[in-house]
Protein backbone atom coordinates (compact mmCIF):
# COMPACT_ATOMS: atom_id res chain seq x y z
CA UNK A 1 109.61 -148.41 31.06
CA UNK A 2 110.54 -151.97 32.46
CA UNK A 3 113.15 -151.73 35.38
CA UNK A 4 112.57 -155.46 36.14
CA UNK A 5 110.98 -158.50 34.68
CA UNK A 6 107.65 -157.84 36.96
CA UNK A 7 107.43 -154.48 36.50
CA UNK A 8 106.02 -152.24 33.68
CA UNK A 9 105.34 -148.48 33.79
CA UNK A 10 104.47 -146.49 30.68
CA UNK A 11 102.83 -143.31 29.37
CA UNK A 12 100.36 -142.58 26.35
CA UNK A 13 98.80 -140.10 24.13
CA UNK A 14 96.26 -140.52 21.98
CA UNK A 15 94.29 -138.29 19.51
CA UNK A 16 90.94 -138.97 17.69
CA UNK A 17 88.74 -137.27 14.99
CA UNK A 18 84.65 -137.86 14.89
CA UNK A 19 82.57 -136.68 12.49
CA UNK A 20 78.68 -135.59 13.22
CA UNK A 21 76.56 -138.37 11.54
CA UNK A 22 74.24 -137.61 8.34
CA UNK A 23 71.06 -137.35 10.98
CA UNK A 24 72.88 -134.73 12.37
CA UNK A 25 73.91 -132.99 9.49
CA UNK A 26 70.40 -133.22 7.92
CA UNK A 27 68.85 -131.82 11.58
CA UNK A 28 67.28 -135.25 12.46
CA UNK A 29 65.71 -135.71 8.56
CA UNK A 30 66.27 -139.05 6.50
CA UNK A 31 67.65 -136.92 3.44
CA UNK A 32 69.00 -133.47 2.66
CA UNK A 33 66.83 -130.73 3.11
CA UNK A 34 68.59 -127.71 1.25
CA UNK A 35 70.69 -126.69 4.26
CA UNK A 36 72.88 -128.25 6.95
CA UNK A 37 72.82 -127.87 10.60
CA UNK A 38 75.57 -125.71 11.92
CA UNK A 39 77.95 -128.70 13.92
CA UNK A 40 81.45 -129.53 14.26
CA UNK A 41 83.28 -132.27 13.87
CA UNK A 42 84.66 -133.64 17.22
CA UNK A 43 88.16 -133.57 18.86
CA UNK A 44 89.37 -135.50 21.56
CA UNK A 45 92.96 -135.98 23.40
CA UNK A 46 93.58 -138.26 25.60
CA UNK A 47 96.46 -138.71 28.20
CA UNK A 48 96.80 -141.93 30.22
CA UNK A 49 99.77 -143.19 32.96
CA UNK A 50 99.99 -146.56 34.65
CA UNK A 51 101.83 -149.42 35.38
CA UNK A 52 101.60 -153.19 35.54
CA UNK A 53 102.91 -155.89 37.94
CA UNK A 54 102.98 -159.65 37.75
CA UNK A 55 104.45 -162.35 40.46
CA UNK A 56 104.81 -164.94 38.74
CA UNK A 57 101.44 -167.17 38.07
CA UNK A 58 100.30 -165.56 41.53
CA UNK A 59 99.26 -162.13 41.15
CA UNK A 60 98.93 -159.86 38.49
CA UNK A 61 98.11 -156.02 39.11
CA UNK A 62 97.40 -152.90 36.50
CA UNK A 63 96.73 -149.27 37.40
CA UNK A 64 96.15 -147.13 34.67
CA UNK A 65 94.75 -143.05 35.08
CA UNK A 66 93.44 -141.14 31.99
CA UNK A 67 92.33 -138.06 31.30
CA UNK A 68 90.24 -136.98 28.55
CA UNK A 69 89.08 -133.35 26.67
CA UNK A 70 87.44 -132.53 24.00
CA UNK A 71 86.53 -129.61 21.22
CA UNK A 72 83.14 -129.93 20.43
CA UNK A 73 82.41 -132.81 21.09
CA UNK A 74 79.19 -134.24 20.02
CA UNK A 75 76.98 -134.78 22.77
CA UNK A 76 73.28 -136.01 22.74
CA UNK A 77 70.91 -133.84 22.58
CA UNK A 78 67.64 -135.70 23.41
CA UNK A 79 66.09 -135.46 19.90
CA UNK A 80 65.72 -138.46 17.60
CA UNK A 81 65.84 -138.31 13.67
CA UNK A 82 62.88 -139.53 11.44
CA UNK A 83 65.11 -142.90 11.36
CA UNK A 84 64.78 -143.42 14.89
CA UNK A 85 68.94 -142.43 15.66
CA UNK A 86 69.58 -140.00 18.37
CA UNK A 87 70.80 -136.58 17.32
CA UNK A 88 73.96 -134.66 18.48
CA UNK A 89 75.22 -131.21 19.18
CA UNK A 90 78.09 -129.55 19.92
CA UNK A 91 79.55 -129.31 23.72
CA UNK A 92 80.96 -126.00 24.54
CA UNK A 93 83.44 -127.76 27.20
CA UNK A 94 83.90 -131.44 28.02
CA UNK A 95 86.21 -133.86 30.02
CA UNK A 96 86.27 -137.46 31.04
CA UNK A 97 88.94 -138.35 33.30
CA UNK A 98 89.01 -141.54 36.00
CA UNK A 99 91.48 -144.51 37.06
CA UNK A 100 90.96 -148.26 36.19
CA UNK A 101 92.13 -151.03 38.11
CA UNK A 102 92.76 -155.10 37.16
CA UNK A 103 94.07 -157.48 39.91
CA UNK A 104 94.05 -161.07 38.98
CA UNK A 105 95.01 -163.48 41.92
CA UNK A 106 95.45 -167.28 42.79
CA UNK A 107 94.69 -167.64 45.62
CA UNK A 108 95.50 -171.20 46.17
CA UNK A 109 96.55 -173.67 43.49
CA UNK A 110 93.24 -174.12 41.86
CA UNK A 111 91.25 -171.48 43.52
CA UNK A 112 91.62 -167.59 41.76
CA UNK A 113 89.59 -164.30 42.26
CA UNK A 114 89.79 -161.69 39.53
CA UNK A 115 88.68 -158.19 40.07
CA UNK A 116 88.27 -155.10 37.74
CA UNK A 117 86.60 -151.83 38.10
CA UNK A 118 86.96 -148.01 37.39
CA UNK A 119 86.04 -144.85 38.75
CA UNK A 120 85.48 -141.48 36.76
CA UNK A 121 84.32 -138.17 36.89
CA UNK A 122 82.63 -136.95 33.24
CA UNK A 123 81.29 -133.65 33.03
CA UNK A 124 80.18 -131.57 30.18
CA UNK A 125 79.21 -127.62 29.26
CA UNK A 126 76.70 -126.51 26.50
CA UNK A 127 74.70 -123.58 25.36
CA UNK A 128 71.41 -125.64 25.70
CA UNK A 129 71.76 -127.50 29.06
CA UNK A 130 74.03 -125.41 31.17
CA UNK A 131 77.22 -125.98 32.61
CA UNK A 132 78.62 -128.97 34.41
CA UNK A 133 76.18 -131.34 33.70
CA UNK A 134 77.10 -135.33 33.76
CA UNK A 135 77.85 -137.25 30.43
CA UNK A 136 74.62 -139.17 29.38
CA UNK A 137 74.84 -142.92 30.08
CA UNK A 138 78.30 -142.59 31.20
CA UNK A 139 78.33 -143.79 35.30
CA UNK A 140 80.99 -143.06 37.83
CA UNK A 141 82.04 -146.34 39.03
CA UNK A 142 81.95 -149.74 37.64
CA UNK A 143 82.91 -153.04 39.10
CA UNK A 144 83.26 -157.08 38.17
CA UNK A 145 84.38 -160.33 40.25
CA UNK A 146 84.78 -163.38 39.13
CA UNK A 147 85.76 -166.08 41.95
CA UNK A 148 85.85 -169.30 39.97
CA UNK A 149 87.79 -172.68 40.60
CA UNK A 150 90.13 -173.97 37.95
CA UNK A 151 91.34 -177.84 38.20
CA UNK A 152 92.43 -180.20 35.16
CA UNK A 153 89.50 -180.25 33.12
CA UNK A 154 87.03 -178.50 35.25
CA UNK A 155 85.83 -174.93 35.78
CA UNK A 156 83.24 -173.62 38.33
CA UNK A 157 82.83 -169.96 40.02
CA UNK A 158 80.68 -167.29 40.57
CA UNK A 159 80.81 -163.63 38.87
CA UNK A 160 79.29 -160.40 40.06
CA UNK A 161 78.98 -156.89 37.94
CA UNK A 162 78.23 -153.39 39.61
CA UNK A 163 77.47 -150.47 37.84
CA UNK A 164 76.46 -146.67 39.48
CA UNK A 165 73.33 -144.85 38.41
CA UNK A 166 73.61 -142.66 35.33
CA UNK A 167 71.81 -140.37 33.49
CA UNK A 168 69.15 -140.77 30.77
CA UNK A 169 69.13 -137.27 29.28
CA UNK A 170 72.16 -134.49 29.41
CA UNK A 171 69.80 -131.72 31.65
CA UNK A 172 70.25 -135.01 34.27
CA UNK A 173 66.71 -134.79 35.54
CA UNK A 174 66.19 -138.51 34.38
CA UNK A 175 68.47 -141.45 35.96
CA UNK A 176 68.91 -145.22 35.30
CA UNK A 177 69.13 -147.18 38.62
CA UNK A 178 72.33 -148.95 39.47
CA UNK A 179 72.63 -152.54 38.39
CA UNK A 180 74.01 -155.39 39.83
CA UNK A 181 73.87 -158.97 38.72
CA UNK A 182 75.66 -162.66 40.19
CA UNK A 183 76.10 -165.03 37.96
CA UNK A 184 76.89 -168.67 37.90
CA UNK A 185 79.61 -170.19 34.91
CA UNK A 186 80.89 -173.45 34.84
CA UNK A 187 82.67 -175.77 32.20
CA UNK A 188 84.01 -179.31 31.84
CA UNK A 189 86.39 -180.28 29.23
CA UNK A 190 87.12 -183.58 27.64
CA UNK A 191 89.34 -184.17 24.30
CA UNK A 192 88.04 -181.89 21.98
CA UNK A 193 84.51 -181.31 23.44
CA UNK A 194 83.93 -178.41 25.95
CA UNK A 195 79.97 -178.58 27.88
CA UNK A 196 79.35 -174.88 29.14
CA UNK A 197 76.42 -174.00 31.67
CA UNK A 198 75.76 -170.37 32.32
CA UNK A 199 73.27 -168.92 35.08
CA UNK A 200 72.62 -165.52 34.64
CA UNK A 201 70.72 -163.24 37.43
CA UNK A 202 70.79 -165.89 40.36
CA UNK A 203 68.79 -163.61 42.55
CA UNK A 204 66.09 -162.81 39.94
CA UNK A 205 66.95 -159.17 40.26
CA UNK A 206 65.16 -156.28 38.11
CA UNK A 207 68.12 -154.34 36.71
CA UNK A 208 67.73 -151.12 33.79
CA UNK A 209 70.51 -151.03 31.65
CA UNK A 210 69.50 -148.09 29.55
CA UNK A 211 66.87 -145.65 29.32
CA UNK A 212 65.33 -143.09 26.41
CA UNK A 213 63.46 -139.86 26.90
CA UNK A 214 60.79 -139.38 24.70
CA UNK A 215 60.25 -135.53 23.50
CA UNK A 216 57.04 -135.68 26.04
CA UNK A 217 59.28 -136.22 28.78
CA UNK A 218 58.57 -139.86 28.99
CA UNK A 219 61.38 -142.00 30.04
CA UNK A 220 61.61 -145.53 28.40
CA UNK A 221 63.69 -148.02 30.59
CA UNK A 222 65.26 -151.04 29.04
CA UNK A 223 65.10 -153.84 31.76
CA UNK A 224 66.91 -157.44 32.14
CA UNK A 225 65.84 -160.82 31.78
CA UNK A 226 64.98 -162.34 35.09
CA UNK A 227 66.93 -165.88 35.99
CA UNK A 228 67.73 -167.76 33.17
CA UNK A 229 70.59 -170.16 31.99
CA UNK A 230 72.28 -170.94 28.80
CA UNK A 231 73.83 -174.22 27.84
CA UNK A 232 76.58 -174.58 25.20
CA UNK A 233 78.81 -177.10 23.84
CA UNK A 234 81.74 -176.52 21.84
CA UNK A 235 84.04 -179.02 19.53
CA UNK A 236 87.28 -178.12 18.45
CA UNK A 237 88.50 -179.48 15.40
C-alpha cells in the first residue's frame, strides 16, 4: 500500500520447503548402506510487515519485522559425514523472529551515511539437545555502517561491521566471539577507467568468523586476516 509517493507499507507471507541432504539420509555415509535415517523434510513459514520512506534523495529508511516458524527444521547436530559435510537432525519446534533496519542519509551535498542492522531471537528445541537453545552460527545483533564522501569522479570513506557473539554448537556450550572491523574504501573514475583501493581491518584486530566443534569436543576457530588491502583497476567497454 502506497498512501503517497514517499511511503510504502507492505505485508508478506512466504512458505518454503527444504529436503534433507544425502549425508543426512545416509547417516553421514558417502553411499547408501541399505537403510535410511529417520529424517523428515523441513517446512518453513514466514510472515513479514514493514514500511519504506523516502524524502527525495536526502533520506531513505526502511523497517521490517519478520516471524519465521518451522516444522521439522533441519538443524546441525554437530556430526560430520565421511565426506566432511555437516549432518542435520529434525528439531521438535523452532522459530526465528526479529527486526531489520536500513537508513541512507545524505548529510550534505557530498557527504553520505548508510547504516543497516538487525536484532533477532532464534530458538530451537529438540529431543537431543533440550528446549530453547539458540540456533548455531546465528548472531542476535548485526550492524553495518558506511560514512563516505562522493563528489564528481571521486569517492572515499570508512565502513564498519559488527556481529554479536554466536554459538558454535546446538548445545550452546561453545561460542564464537563478537566481530568488529573498520575498513577504508576509495575510488577514482576517469572516462571508462576506475581505480579503487580498499584497506580492510585498519585496527589489525583478530576476529573469528566461524567455528566447528570436533567429535572430541575440540573447538576449531576460523580467523580473519590482519590489516590487508586490495587495489583494483576496472575498465568499462
